Protein backbone atom coordinates (compact mmCIF):
# COMPACT_ATOMS: atom_id res chain seq x y z
CA UNK A 1 -0.17 -0.32 -0.27
CA UNK A 2 1.38 3.40 -0.99
CA UNK A 3 1.83 5.92 1.18
CA UNK A 4 -0.61 8.91 0.79
CA UNK A 5 0.41 10.72 4.22
CA UNK A 6 2.18 13.96 1.90
CA UNK A 7 -1.22 14.08 -0.66
CA UNK A 8 -3.25 13.87 2.48
CA UNK A 9 -2.04 16.72 4.51
CA UNK A 10 -2.28 18.91 1.09
CA UNK A 11 -4.37 17.95 -0.84
CA UNK A 12 -7.31 20.71 1.03
CA UNK A 13 -4.59 23.44 0.78
CA UNK A 14 -4.30 22.63 -3.22
CA UNK A 15 -8.33 22.86 -3.57
CA UNK A 16 -8.31 26.17 -2.24
CA UNK A 17 -4.89 27.36 -4.02
CA UNK A 18 -3.07 27.88 -0.64
CA UNK A 19 0.33 25.63 -1.71
CA UNK A 20 3.17 27.59 -3.14
CA UNK A 21 4.19 26.44 -7.14
CA UNK A 22 6.87 23.87 -6.10
CA UNK A 23 3.95 22.42 -3.72
CA UNK A 24 1.15 22.55 -6.33
CA UNK A 25 3.68 20.54 -9.04
CA UNK A 26 4.38 17.68 -6.55
CA UNK A 27 1.18 17.24 -5.88
CA UNK A 28 -0.10 17.35 -9.49
CA UNK A 29 2.55 15.00 -10.14
CA UNK A 30 2.10 12.73 -7.43
CA UNK A 31 -1.55 12.31 -7.88
CA UNK A 32 -1.24 11.83 -11.86
CA UNK A 33 0.83 8.32 -11.08
CA UNK A 34 -1.63 7.34 -8.05
CA UNK A 35 -4.15 4.52 -9.88
CA UNK A 36 -7.37 5.50 -11.04
CA UNK A 37 -9.47 4.61 -7.92
CA UNK A 38 -6.88 6.48 -5.54
CA UNK A 39 -6.74 9.81 -8.06
CA UNK A 40 -10.86 9.79 -8.23
CA UNK A 41 -10.90 9.52 -4.85
CA UNK A 42 -8.59 13.02 -4.17
CA UNK A 43 -9.99 14.63 -7.12
CA UNK A 44 -13.69 14.38 -5.39
CA UNK A 45 -12.11 15.50 -2.26
CA UNK A 46 -10.64 18.74 -4.08
CA UNK A 47 -14.42 19.18 -5.62
CA UNK A 48 -15.66 18.81 -2.25
CA UNK A 49 -13.31 21.26 -0.55
CA UNK A 50 -14.24 23.90 -3.23
CA UNK A 51 -17.86 24.02 -3.41
CA UNK A 52 -18.06 23.87 0.80
CA UNK A 53 -15.12 27.28 0.13
CA UNK A 54 -17.92 28.37 -2.47
CA UNK A 55 -20.90 27.65 0.10
CA UNK A 56 -19.01 29.30 3.04
CA UNK A 57 -18.54 32.73 0.76
CA UNK A 58 -21.46 33.18 -0.90
CA UNK A 59 -23.46 35.56 1.15
CA UNK A 60 -27.20 36.61 0.47
CA UNK A 61 -27.39 40.71 0.67
CA UNK A 62 -29.60 41.54 3.34
CA UNK A 63 -31.23 44.73 3.07
CA UNK A 64 -30.95 47.51 5.42
CA UNK A 65 -33.28 48.76 7.46
CA UNK A 66 -34.90 52.06 6.63
CA UNK A 67 -34.20 53.53 9.56
CA UNK A 68 -30.18 52.50 9.89
CA UNK A 69 -30.39 53.93 6.04
CA UNK A 70 -31.78 57.46 7.13
CA UNK A 71 -29.53 57.60 10.46
CA UNK A 72 -26.11 57.08 8.32
CA UNK A 73 -27.06 59.51 6.07
CA UNK A 74 -27.50 62.00 8.22
CA UNK A 75 -24.33 60.95 10.07
CA UNK A 76 -21.79 60.93 7.11
CA UNK A 77 -23.34 63.51 4.95
CA UNK A 78 -20.88 65.27 3.18
CA UNK A 79 -19.95 68.46 5.01
CA UNK A 80 -19.09 71.40 1.85
CA UNK A 81 -19.52 74.67 2.74
CA UNK A 82 -23.06 76.08 1.15
CA UNK A 83 -21.89 78.68 -1.54
CA UNK A 84 -22.34 82.24 -0.69
CA UNK A 85 -24.71 84.47 -2.72
CA UNK A 86 -22.35 86.33 -4.92
CA UNK A 87 -22.70 90.19 -4.55
CA UNK A 88 -23.54 92.04 -7.81
CA UNK A 89 -21.54 95.22 -8.06
């Protein structure tokens, strides 16, 4: 039985693009050398990890409460000096 400890430790990091170039190359090389059932298992794990990341980062927009919008609009309204009427001579 092959030792998959390095693959096991790095496959999820690969899935989230957290490996450096040398590690990516090593993982892809080792994965390509595995028998089909083992390679398929790792590819499924990579896919599941990426799907989970997408689900965790997907945020439904929550509308702001109208009173909050009003308060923030008043508080953070730009404070520009009002133009003074020019005097005609």
